[in-house]
N, C-alpha and C. Protein backbone atom coordinates (compact mmCIF):
# COMPACT_ATOMS: atom_id res chain seq x y z
N MET A 1 -194.82 4.01 37.45
CA MET A 1 -195.69 3.12 38.19
C MET A 1 -196.66 3.91 39.07
N ILE A 2 -196.16 4.98 39.65
CA ILE A 2 -197.03 5.81 40.48
C ILE A 2 -198.10 6.47 39.62
N ALA A 3 -197.74 6.81 38.39
CA ALA A 3 -198.71 7.42 37.48
C ALA A 3 -199.84 6.45 37.17
N GLY A 4 -199.53 5.17 37.12
CA GLY A 4 -200.57 4.16 36.89
C GLY A 4 -201.57 4.12 38.01
N PHE A 5 -201.11 4.23 39.25
CA PHE A 5 -202.02 4.24 40.39
C PHE A 5 -202.82 5.55 40.45
N GLN A 6 -202.24 6.63 39.99
CA GLN A 6 -202.97 7.90 39.97
C GLN A 6 -204.08 7.88 38.93
N ASN A 7 -203.91 7.11 37.87
CA ASN A 7 -204.94 7.02 36.83
C ASN A 7 -206.18 6.28 37.32
N ILE A 8 -206.04 5.47 38.36
CA ILE A 8 -207.18 4.74 38.90
C ILE A 8 -208.25 5.72 39.38
N THR A 9 -207.84 6.80 39.99
CA THR A 9 -208.82 7.75 40.52
C THR A 9 -209.45 8.61 39.43
N LYS A 10 -208.86 8.62 38.25
CA LYS A 10 -209.39 9.44 37.17
C LYS A 10 -210.50 8.75 36.39
N ILE A 11 -210.57 7.43 36.46
CA ILE A 11 -211.59 6.68 35.72
C ILE A 11 -212.67 6.28 36.72
N PRO A 12 -213.86 6.87 36.65
CA PRO A 12 -214.90 6.62 37.66
C PRO A 12 -215.35 5.16 37.73
N GLU A 13 -215.50 4.50 36.59
CA GLU A 13 -215.97 3.11 36.58
C GLU A 13 -214.94 2.19 37.25
N LEU A 14 -213.67 2.40 36.96
CA LEU A 14 -212.61 1.59 37.56
C LEU A 14 -212.52 1.84 39.06
N LYS A 15 -212.65 3.09 39.44
CA LYS A 15 -212.61 3.45 40.86
C LYS A 15 -213.77 2.79 41.62
N ARG A 16 -214.96 2.80 41.02
CA ARG A 16 -216.13 2.19 41.65
C ARG A 16 -215.94 0.68 41.79
N ARG A 17 -215.41 0.03 40.78
CA ARG A 17 -215.20 -1.42 40.83
C ARG A 17 -214.15 -1.81 41.87
N ILE A 18 -213.09 -1.06 41.95
CA ILE A 18 -212.05 -1.36 42.94
C ILE A 18 -212.57 -1.15 44.35
N LEU A 19 -213.31 -0.08 44.58
CA LEU A 19 -213.88 0.15 45.91
C LEU A 19 -214.88 -0.94 46.28
N PHE A 20 -215.69 -1.39 45.32
CA PHE A 20 -216.63 -2.47 45.58
C PHE A 20 -215.89 -3.76 45.93
N THR A 21 -214.79 -4.05 45.23
CA THR A 21 -214.00 -5.24 45.52
C THR A 21 -213.43 -5.19 46.92
N PHE A 22 -212.86 -4.06 47.32
CA PHE A 22 -212.32 -3.92 48.67
C PHE A 22 -213.42 -4.03 49.72
N PHE A 23 -214.59 -3.47 49.44
CA PHE A 23 -215.71 -3.57 50.37
C PHE A 23 -216.15 -5.02 50.55
N MET A 24 -216.25 -5.77 49.47
CA MET A 24 -216.66 -7.17 49.57
C MET A 24 -215.61 -8.02 50.29
N LEU A 25 -214.34 -7.73 50.09
CA LEU A 25 -213.29 -8.43 50.83
C LEU A 25 -213.39 -8.13 52.32
N ALA A 26 -213.69 -6.89 52.67
CA ALA A 26 -213.85 -6.53 54.08
C ALA A 26 -215.05 -7.22 54.70
N VAL A 27 -216.16 -7.31 53.96
CA VAL A 27 -217.35 -8.01 54.46
C VAL A 27 -217.04 -9.48 54.69
N TYR A 28 -216.32 -10.10 53.76
CA TYR A 28 -215.96 -11.51 53.91
C TYR A 28 -215.07 -11.72 55.13
N ARG A 29 -214.06 -10.87 55.30
CA ARG A 29 -213.15 -11.03 56.43
C ARG A 29 -213.87 -10.80 57.77
N LEU A 30 -214.79 -9.87 57.82
CA LEU A 30 -215.57 -9.66 59.04
C LEU A 30 -216.50 -10.85 59.29
N GLY A 31 -217.08 -11.39 58.24
CA GLY A 31 -217.97 -12.55 58.37
C GLY A 31 -217.25 -13.80 58.83
N CYS A 32 -215.95 -13.86 58.62
CA CYS A 32 -215.17 -15.02 59.06
C CYS A 32 -215.01 -15.05 60.58
N HIS A 33 -215.34 -13.98 61.24
CA HIS A 33 -215.20 -13.93 62.70
C HIS A 33 -216.55 -14.02 63.41
N ILE A 34 -217.63 -14.24 62.69
CA ILE A 34 -218.95 -14.41 63.30
C ILE A 34 -219.19 -15.91 63.44
N PRO A 35 -219.24 -16.42 64.67
CA PRO A 35 -219.42 -17.87 64.84
C PRO A 35 -220.84 -18.31 64.54
N THR A 36 -220.96 -19.57 64.12
CA THR A 36 -222.27 -20.16 63.87
C THR A 36 -222.89 -20.53 65.21
N PRO A 37 -224.13 -20.14 65.48
CA PRO A 37 -224.75 -20.45 66.77
C PRO A 37 -224.96 -21.95 66.94
N GLY A 38 -224.80 -22.42 68.16
CA GLY A 38 -225.06 -23.82 68.48
C GLY A 38 -223.88 -24.74 68.28
N ILE A 39 -222.72 -24.22 67.90
CA ILE A 39 -221.53 -25.03 67.67
C ILE A 39 -220.56 -24.80 68.82
N ASP A 40 -220.06 -25.90 69.40
CA ASP A 40 -219.07 -25.81 70.47
C ASP A 40 -217.71 -25.52 69.84
N GLY A 41 -217.23 -24.31 70.00
CA GLY A 41 -215.99 -23.88 69.36
C GLY A 41 -214.77 -24.62 69.86
N ALA A 42 -214.72 -24.93 71.16
CA ALA A 42 -213.56 -25.62 71.71
C ALA A 42 -213.46 -27.04 71.15
N ALA A 43 -214.59 -27.73 71.08
CA ALA A 43 -214.58 -29.10 70.55
C ALA A 43 -214.22 -29.10 69.07
N LEU A 44 -214.70 -28.14 68.33
CA LEU A 44 -214.39 -28.07 66.91
C LEU A 44 -212.92 -27.75 66.68
N SER A 45 -212.37 -26.86 67.49
CA SER A 45 -210.96 -26.52 67.38
C SER A 45 -210.08 -27.73 67.72
N ALA A 46 -210.47 -28.50 68.72
CA ALA A 46 -209.73 -29.71 69.07
C ALA A 46 -209.83 -30.74 67.94
N PHE A 47 -210.99 -30.83 67.30
CA PHE A 47 -211.18 -31.76 66.19
C PHE A 47 -210.23 -31.44 65.05
N PHE A 48 -210.15 -30.16 64.66
CA PHE A 48 -209.26 -29.78 63.56
C PHE A 48 -207.80 -29.80 63.98
N GLY A 49 -207.52 -29.56 65.26
CA GLY A 49 -206.15 -29.63 65.74
C GLY A 49 -205.59 -31.03 65.67
N ALA A 50 -206.43 -32.03 65.91
CA ALA A 50 -205.99 -33.42 65.84
C ALA A 50 -205.89 -33.92 64.41
N ARG A 51 -206.47 -33.21 63.48
CA ARG A 51 -206.49 -33.68 62.09
C ARG A 51 -205.72 -32.76 61.14
N GLN A 52 -204.65 -32.17 61.63
CA GLN A 52 -203.82 -31.35 60.76
C GLN A 52 -203.10 -32.27 59.78
N GLY A 53 -203.00 -31.83 58.55
CA GLY A 53 -202.34 -32.63 57.53
C GLY A 53 -203.29 -33.58 56.81
N THR A 54 -204.56 -33.56 57.16
CA THR A 54 -205.54 -34.40 56.48
C THR A 54 -206.39 -33.53 55.56
N LEU A 55 -207.41 -34.12 55.00
CA LEU A 55 -208.30 -33.37 54.11
C LEU A 55 -209.02 -32.25 54.86
N PHE A 56 -209.39 -32.51 56.12
CA PHE A 56 -210.03 -31.46 56.93
C PHE A 56 -209.08 -30.28 57.15
N GLY A 57 -207.82 -30.59 57.39
CA GLY A 57 -206.82 -29.53 57.55
C GLY A 57 -206.62 -28.72 56.29
N LEU A 58 -206.70 -29.40 55.14
CA LEU A 58 -206.57 -28.72 53.86
C LEU A 58 -207.75 -27.78 53.61
N PHE A 59 -208.96 -28.24 53.91
CA PHE A 59 -210.14 -27.38 53.77
C PHE A 59 -210.05 -26.18 54.70
N ASP A 60 -209.56 -26.42 55.92
CA ASP A 60 -209.43 -25.32 56.88
C ASP A 60 -208.41 -24.30 56.39
N MET A 61 -207.33 -24.79 55.78
CA MET A 61 -206.31 -23.88 55.26
C MET A 61 -206.87 -23.04 54.11
N PHE A 62 -207.62 -23.66 53.20
CA PHE A 62 -208.19 -22.91 52.08
C PHE A 62 -209.23 -21.90 52.53
N SER A 63 -209.90 -22.17 53.64
CA SER A 63 -210.91 -21.23 54.12
C SER A 63 -210.30 -20.15 55.01
N GLY A 64 -209.00 -20.18 55.20
CA GLY A 64 -208.34 -19.17 56.01
C GLY A 64 -208.61 -19.31 57.50
N GLY A 65 -208.90 -20.52 57.95
CA GLY A 65 -209.19 -20.77 59.36
C GLY A 65 -210.65 -20.59 59.72
N ALA A 66 -211.47 -20.23 58.75
CA ALA A 66 -212.89 -20.00 59.03
C ALA A 66 -213.60 -21.31 59.36
N LEU A 67 -213.11 -22.40 58.82
CA LEU A 67 -213.74 -23.69 59.09
C LEU A 67 -213.45 -24.14 60.52
N ARG A 68 -212.26 -23.84 61.02
CA ARG A 68 -211.91 -24.19 62.39
C ARG A 68 -212.77 -23.42 63.39
N ARG A 69 -213.08 -22.18 63.06
CA ARG A 69 -213.94 -21.37 63.93
C ARG A 69 -215.42 -21.60 63.64
N MET A 70 -215.72 -22.34 62.55
CA MET A 70 -217.08 -22.60 62.07
C MET A 70 -217.85 -21.29 62.01
N SER A 71 -217.30 -20.39 61.22
CA SER A 71 -217.92 -19.09 61.06
C SER A 71 -219.05 -19.16 60.04
N VAL A 72 -219.79 -18.08 59.96
CA VAL A 72 -220.90 -18.00 59.02
C VAL A 72 -220.39 -18.12 57.58
N MET A 73 -219.24 -17.57 57.29
CA MET A 73 -218.70 -17.60 55.93
C MET A 73 -218.12 -18.96 55.56
N ALA A 74 -217.96 -19.86 56.50
CA ALA A 74 -217.42 -21.19 56.20
C ALA A 74 -218.52 -22.14 55.76
N LEU A 75 -219.71 -21.65 55.60
CA LEU A 75 -220.83 -22.52 55.25
C LEU A 75 -221.01 -22.69 53.75
N GLY A 76 -219.98 -22.47 52.98
CA GLY A 76 -220.06 -22.71 51.55
C GLY A 76 -219.56 -21.58 50.70
N ILE A 77 -219.10 -20.51 51.30
CA ILE A 77 -218.57 -19.39 50.53
C ILE A 77 -217.05 -19.45 50.63
N MET A 78 -216.40 -19.76 49.54
CA MET A 78 -214.93 -19.80 49.53
C MET A 78 -214.43 -18.87 48.44
N PRO A 79 -213.31 -18.17 48.72
CA PRO A 79 -212.78 -17.24 47.71
C PRO A 79 -212.22 -17.97 46.51
């Protein structure tokens, strides 16, 4: 199994694709912490807190909490 992971570094195309994937995941996770300007975060958090177990709560769960924080990445980009 360790030999399989060592082979990743030997194939340049595979190495480049894996690094690009990790980079894009890092960009997405950082973007989830950038709030959308003009949105009251406390009111939005209270709104989603009162609606746990509903469709809004399900969307918030699928977005990894980005919808509750109304981050830039919650505006239509979902993994």
